[in-house]
N, C-alpha and C. Protein backbone atom coordinates (compact mmCIF):
# COMPACT_ATOMS: atom_id res chain seq x y z
N MET A 1 86.12 -211.74 76.66
CA MET A 1 85.75 -212.62 77.76
C MET A 1 84.54 -212.03 78.48
N LYS A 2 83.57 -212.86 78.73
CA LYS A 2 82.35 -212.43 79.40
C LYS A 2 82.56 -212.43 80.91
N SER A 3 81.96 -211.47 81.56
CA SER A 3 82.06 -211.35 83.01
C SER A 3 81.10 -212.34 83.68
N GLU A 4 81.48 -212.82 84.84
CA GLU A 4 80.62 -213.72 85.61
C GLU A 4 79.48 -212.93 86.24
N SER A 5 78.40 -213.63 86.52
CA SER A 5 77.32 -213.00 87.28
C SER A 5 77.80 -212.86 88.72
N TYR A 6 77.07 -212.10 89.50
CA TYR A 6 77.45 -211.91 90.90
C TYR A 6 77.53 -213.25 91.61
N LYS A 7 76.52 -214.09 91.41
CA LYS A 7 76.48 -215.39 92.08
C LYS A 7 77.64 -216.27 91.64
N GLU A 8 77.97 -216.25 90.33
CA GLU A 8 79.09 -217.05 89.84
C GLU A 8 80.40 -216.55 90.44
N LEU A 9 80.56 -215.25 90.49
CA LEU A 9 81.76 -214.65 91.05
C LEU A 9 81.89 -214.99 92.54
N GLU A 10 80.78 -214.93 93.24
CA GLU A 10 80.77 -215.23 94.67
C GLU A 10 81.16 -216.68 94.94
N ASN A 11 80.85 -217.57 94.01
CA ASN A 11 81.12 -219.00 94.20
C ASN A 11 82.53 -219.42 93.79
N LEU A 12 83.30 -218.51 93.20
CA LEU A 12 84.67 -218.85 92.81
C LEU A 12 85.56 -218.97 94.05
N SER A 13 86.47 -219.93 94.02
CA SER A 13 87.42 -220.07 95.12
C SER A 13 88.48 -218.98 95.01
N GLU A 14 89.23 -218.79 96.08
CA GLU A 14 90.31 -217.80 96.04
C GLU A 14 91.33 -218.16 94.96
N LYS A 15 91.62 -219.44 94.84
CA LYS A 15 92.58 -219.88 93.83
C LYS A 15 92.07 -219.53 92.44
N ASP A 16 90.77 -219.79 92.18
CA ASP A 16 90.21 -219.45 90.87
C ASP A 16 90.27 -217.94 90.61
N LEU A 17 89.96 -217.14 91.63
CA LEU A 17 90.03 -215.69 91.48
C LEU A 17 91.45 -215.23 91.15
N ILE A 18 92.42 -215.80 91.85
CA ILE A 18 93.82 -215.44 91.61
C ILE A 18 94.24 -215.87 90.21
N ASP A 19 93.85 -217.07 89.82
CA ASP A 19 94.20 -217.55 88.48
C ASP A 19 93.60 -216.66 87.39
N LYS A 20 92.33 -216.28 87.55
CA LYS A 20 91.68 -215.41 86.58
C LYS A 20 92.37 -214.03 86.55
N HIS A 21 92.69 -213.51 87.71
CA HIS A 21 93.37 -212.22 87.78
C HIS A 21 94.71 -212.28 87.05
N ASP A 22 95.50 -213.31 87.37
CA ASP A 22 96.83 -213.42 86.77
C ASP A 22 96.75 -213.58 85.25
N LYS A 23 95.75 -214.31 84.78
CA LYS A 23 95.58 -214.51 83.33
C LYS A 23 95.22 -213.19 82.65
N LEU A 24 94.28 -212.46 83.22
CA LEU A 24 93.83 -211.21 82.62
C LEU A 24 94.86 -210.09 82.76
N SER A 25 95.65 -210.14 83.83
CA SER A 25 96.59 -209.04 84.07
C SER A 25 97.69 -208.96 83.02
N LYS A 26 97.92 -210.04 82.30
CA LYS A 26 98.95 -210.03 81.26
C LYS A 26 98.57 -209.13 80.09
N ASP A 27 97.27 -208.92 79.90
CA ASP A 27 96.78 -208.10 78.79
C ASP A 27 96.16 -206.79 79.25
N THR A 28 96.41 -206.40 80.50
CA THR A 28 95.78 -205.22 81.06
C THR A 28 96.83 -204.14 81.34
N VAL A 29 96.50 -202.93 80.99
CA VAL A 29 97.37 -201.80 81.29
C VAL A 29 96.83 -201.15 82.57
N VAL A 30 97.72 -200.90 83.53
CA VAL A 30 97.29 -200.31 84.79
C VAL A 30 97.83 -198.91 84.93
N GLY A 31 97.10 -198.14 85.72
CA GLY A 31 97.55 -196.79 86.06
C GLY A 31 98.02 -196.75 87.49
N THR A 32 98.29 -195.57 87.96
CA THR A 32 98.79 -195.42 89.33
C THR A 32 97.75 -195.85 90.36
N ARG A 33 96.47 -195.76 90.02
CA ARG A 33 95.41 -196.14 90.97
C ARG A 33 95.56 -197.59 91.41
N HIS A 34 96.03 -198.42 90.52
CA HIS A 34 96.24 -199.84 90.82
C HIS A 34 97.16 -200.00 92.03
N TYR A 35 98.24 -199.24 92.05
CA TYR A 35 99.20 -199.33 93.15
C TYR A 35 98.69 -198.65 94.41
N LEU A 36 97.96 -197.57 94.24
CA LEU A 36 97.36 -196.90 95.40
C LEU A 36 96.32 -197.79 96.07
N ASP A 37 95.54 -198.51 95.27
CA ASP A 37 94.56 -199.44 95.82
C ASP A 37 95.23 -200.55 96.62
N GLU A 38 96.36 -201.04 96.12
CA GLU A 38 97.08 -202.08 96.85
C GLU A 38 97.66 -201.54 98.15
N LEU A 39 98.20 -200.33 98.12
CA LEU A 39 98.69 -199.72 99.36
C LEU A 39 97.56 -199.53 100.36
N TYR A 40 96.40 -199.11 99.88
CA TYR A 40 95.24 -198.92 100.76
C TYR A 40 94.81 -200.26 101.36
N ARG A 41 94.79 -201.30 100.55
CA ARG A 41 94.40 -202.63 101.03
C ARG A 41 95.34 -203.09 102.14
N ARG A 42 96.63 -202.89 101.95
CA ARG A 42 97.61 -203.29 102.97
C ARG A 42 97.46 -202.47 104.24
N THR A 43 97.16 -201.19 104.10
CA THR A 43 96.91 -200.35 105.26
C THR A 43 95.71 -200.85 106.03
N GLN A 44 94.65 -201.22 105.32
CA GLN A 44 93.44 -201.74 105.97
C GLN A 44 93.74 -203.02 106.74
N ILE A 45 94.55 -203.88 106.18
CA ILE A 45 94.91 -205.13 106.85
C ILE A 45 95.67 -204.83 108.14
N ARG A 46 96.64 -203.90 108.07
CA ARG A 46 97.39 -203.52 109.27
C ARG A 46 96.48 -202.94 110.34
N GLN A 47 95.55 -202.06 109.93
CA GLN A 47 94.63 -201.46 110.89
C GLN A 47 93.71 -202.50 111.51
N THR A 48 93.27 -203.45 110.72
CA THR A 48 92.41 -204.51 111.25
C THR A 48 93.16 -205.34 112.29
N LYS A 49 94.41 -205.68 111.99
CA LYS A 49 95.21 -206.45 112.95
C LYS A 49 95.42 -205.66 114.24
N THR A 50 95.67 -204.36 114.12
CA THR A 50 95.85 -203.51 115.30
C THR A 50 94.58 -203.47 116.13
N MET A 51 93.44 -203.30 115.49
CA MET A 51 92.16 -203.25 116.22
C MET A 51 91.86 -204.58 116.90
N LEU A 52 92.19 -205.69 116.26
CA LEU A 52 91.98 -206.99 116.90
C LEU A 52 92.88 -207.14 118.13
N ARG A 53 94.11 -206.65 118.03
CA ARG A 53 95.02 -206.69 119.18
C ARG A 53 94.46 -205.84 120.33
N TYR A 54 93.97 -204.64 120.02
CA TYR A 54 93.37 -203.78 121.05
C TYR A 54 92.14 -204.44 121.66
N THR A 55 91.35 -205.09 120.84
CA THR A 55 90.14 -205.76 121.33
C THR A 55 90.50 -206.87 122.31
N LYS A 56 91.54 -207.63 122.00
CA LYS A 56 91.97 -208.70 122.91
C LYS A 56 92.44 -208.13 124.24
N TRP A 57 93.18 -207.00 124.18
CA TRP A 57 93.63 -206.36 125.43
C TRP A 57 92.45 -205.84 126.24
N MET A 58 91.47 -205.27 125.57
CA MET A 58 90.29 -204.76 126.29
C MET A 58 89.52 -205.91 126.94
N LEU A 59 89.44 -207.05 126.27
CA LEU A 59 88.79 -208.21 126.87
C LEU A 59 89.55 -208.66 128.12
N ALA A 60 90.87 -208.71 128.02
CA ALA A 60 91.67 -209.12 129.18
C ALA A 60 91.48 -208.15 130.35
N PHE A 61 91.52 -206.85 130.07
CA PHE A 61 91.32 -205.85 131.12
C PHE A 61 89.91 -205.97 131.72
N THR A 62 88.93 -206.21 130.90
CA THR A 62 87.55 -206.36 131.38
C THR A 62 87.45 -207.56 132.33
N ILE A 63 88.09 -208.65 131.97
CA ILE A 63 88.06 -209.85 132.84
C ILE A 63 88.75 -209.55 134.17
N VAL A 64 89.89 -208.88 134.13
CA VAL A 64 90.61 -208.55 135.37
C VAL A 64 89.78 -207.62 136.25
N ILE A 65 89.17 -206.61 135.66
CA ILE A 65 88.35 -205.66 136.43
C ILE A 65 87.13 -206.37 137.01
N THR A 66 86.52 -207.26 136.24
CA THR A 66 85.36 -208.00 136.73
C THR A 66 85.75 -208.88 137.92
N LEU A 67 86.87 -209.57 137.80
CA LEU A 67 87.33 -210.40 138.92
C LEU A 67 87.66 -209.55 140.15
N ALA A 68 88.32 -208.42 139.94
CA ALA A 68 88.66 -207.54 141.06
C ALA A 68 87.39 -207.01 141.74
N THR A 69 86.40 -206.67 140.93
CA THR A 69 85.12 -206.19 141.49
C THR A 69 84.44 -207.29 142.28
N PHE A 70 84.43 -208.50 141.75
CA PHE A 70 83.81 -209.63 142.45
C PHE A 70 84.51 -209.88 143.78
N ILE A 71 85.83 -209.85 143.77
CA ILE A 71 86.58 -210.07 145.02
C ILE A 71 86.29 -208.94 146.01
N ASN A 72 86.25 -207.71 145.55
CA ASN A 72 85.97 -206.55 146.40
C ASN A 72 84.59 -206.68 147.04
N VAL A 73 83.60 -207.02 146.26
CA VAL A 73 82.23 -207.17 146.78
C VAL A 73 82.18 -208.33 147.76
N SER A 74 82.84 -209.43 147.42
CA SER A 74 82.85 -210.59 148.32
C SER A 74 83.47 -210.25 149.67
N VAL A 75 84.58 -209.55 149.67
CA VAL A 75 85.24 -209.16 150.92
C VAL A 75 84.32 -208.23 151.72
N PHE A 76 83.64 -207.30 151.04
CA PHE A 76 82.73 -206.39 151.73
C PHE A 76 81.58 -207.16 152.37
N VAL A 77 80.97 -208.07 151.63
CA VAL A 77 79.82 -208.83 152.15
C VAL A 77 80.25 -209.69 153.34
N ILE A 78 81.38 -210.37 153.20
CA ILE A 78 81.88 -211.20 154.31
C ILE A 78 82.15 -210.35 155.54
N ASP A 79 82.81 -209.22 155.36
CA ASP A 79 83.13 -208.31 156.45
C ASP A 79 81.85 -207.73 157.07
N PHE A 80 80.88 -207.41 156.25
CA PHE A 80 79.62 -206.83 156.73
C PHE A 80 78.87 -207.81 157.63
N PHE A 81 78.81 -209.09 157.23
CA PHE A 81 78.05 -210.05 158.01
C PHE A 81 78.84 -210.59 159.22
N GLN A 82 80.13 -210.44 159.21
CA GLN A 82 80.93 -210.87 160.36
C GLN A 82 81.10 -209.75 161.38
N GLY A 83 80.93 -208.53 160.94
CA GLY A 83 81.21 -207.39 161.81
C GLY A 83 79.98 -206.82 162.34
């Protein structure tokens, strides 16, 4: 079986990629690296999800701090001009 060009490979859908993988895997012998690569991929997915969760929390904290700063400055300005 001939390999696809980079452009052809890039244009394949996920379903096509999975189908090609499943078809070829029946005639392929794998070593331990195959399983280590899958474990690494799953670890990367978990780490990405964790980082996205941290990013959302940092955004929320940034919004709260910005609002608190705005309120603090507003109270100071109002107090300064009234006093």
